[in-house]
């Protein structure tokens, strides 16, 4: 795979023309994104939501049981 980039250079002193040209360079690899964050892993979200709902269920059952004895 070949990629091009532009290089520029001033001709002479300040205020003179700028000459630009394309330079071809070899690209050695192909970009492949990898999963690195929490946003890339939906299984984490699902397990966190199930865990949070379990905690809320336990808390609500304890609160309901405590209100029955009062």
Protein backbone atom coordinates (compact mmCIF):
# COMPACT_ATOMS: atom_id res chain seq x y z
CA UNK A 1 0.00 0.00 0.00
CA UNK A 2 1.32 3.42 -0.94
CA UNK A 3 0.41 6.72 0.68
CA UNK A 4 1.26 10.27 -0.35
CA UNK A 5 2.10 13.29 1.74
CA UNK A 6 2.77 16.86 0.71
CA UNK A 7 6.06 18.59 1.44
CA UNK A 8 6.58 22.31 0.92
CA UNK A 9 9.64 24.55 0.83
CA UNK A 10 10.25 28.30 0.49
CA UNK A 11 12.26 29.43 -2.51
CA UNK A 12 14.64 32.08 -1.31
CA UNK A 13 13.85 34.62 1.41
CA UNK A 14 10.56 35.50 3.05
CA UNK A 15 7.86 36.62 0.65
CA UNK A 16 9.10 34.35 -2.11
CA UNK A 17 7.18 31.51 -3.72
CA UNK A 18 6.42 28.29 -1.89
CA UNK A 19 7.02 25.07 -3.83
CA UNK A 20 5.05 21.97 -2.82
CA UNK A 21 5.26 18.39 -4.11
CA UNK A 22 3.80 14.98 -3.33
CA UNK A 23 6.05 12.35 -1.77
CA UNK A 24 5.00 8.70 -1.93
CA UNK A 25 5.82 6.49 1.03
CA UNK A 26 5.17 2.86 1.83
CA UNK A 27 2.65 1.99 4.52
CA UNK A 28 3.74 -1.18 6.24
CA UNK A 29 0.54 -2.29 7.92
CA UNK A 30 -3.21 -2.12 7.83
CA UNK A 31 -5.06 -0.27 10.56
CA UNK A 32 -7.18 -2.70 12.57
CA UNK A 33 -9.03 -1.20 15.55
CA UNK A 34 -8.92 -3.21 18.76
CA UNK A 35 -11.24 -3.15 21.76
CA UNK A 36 -9.55 -1.11 24.45
CA UNK A 37 -12.26 0.62 26.44
CA UNK A 38 -15.49 -0.04 28.27
CA UNK A 39 -17.49 1.50 25.42
CA UNK A 40 -16.19 -1.22 23.09
CA UNK A 41 -17.50 -4.04 25.29
CA UNK A 42 -21.33 -4.23 25.47
CA UNK A 43 -21.14 -7.40 27.61
CA UNK A 44 -19.75 -5.23 30.41
CA UNK A 45 -22.80 -2.94 30.24
CA UNK A 46 -25.21 -5.87 30.34
CA UNK A 47 -23.52 -7.51 33.31
CA UNK A 48 -23.30 -4.18 35.16
CA UNK A 49 -27.03 -3.52 34.64
CA UNK A 50 -27.99 -7.03 35.79
CA UNK A 51 -25.76 -6.66 38.86
CA UNK A 52 -27.22 -3.26 39.71
CA UNK A 53 -30.78 -4.55 39.37
CA UNK A 54 -29.89 -7.46 41.67
CA UNK A 55 -28.55 -5.06 44.31
CA UNK A 56 -31.70 -2.92 44.07
CA UNK A 57 -33.87 -6.05 44.39
CA UNK A 58 -32.09 -7.10 47.60
CA UNK A 59 -32.36 -3.60 49.06
CA UNK A 60 -36.06 -3.32 48.25
CA UNK A 61 -36.80 -6.76 49.76
CA UNK A 62 -34.98 -5.79 52.97
CA UNK A 63 -36.90 -2.50 53.15
CA UNK A 64 -40.23 -4.28 52.57
CA UNK A 65 -39.43 -6.90 55.24
CA UNK A 66 -38.44 -4.20 57.75
CA UNK A 67 -41.67 -2.27 57.12
CA UNK A 68 -43.78 -5.40 57.83
CA UNK A 69 -42.38 -5.69 61.38
CA UNK A 70 -43.08 -2.04 62.27
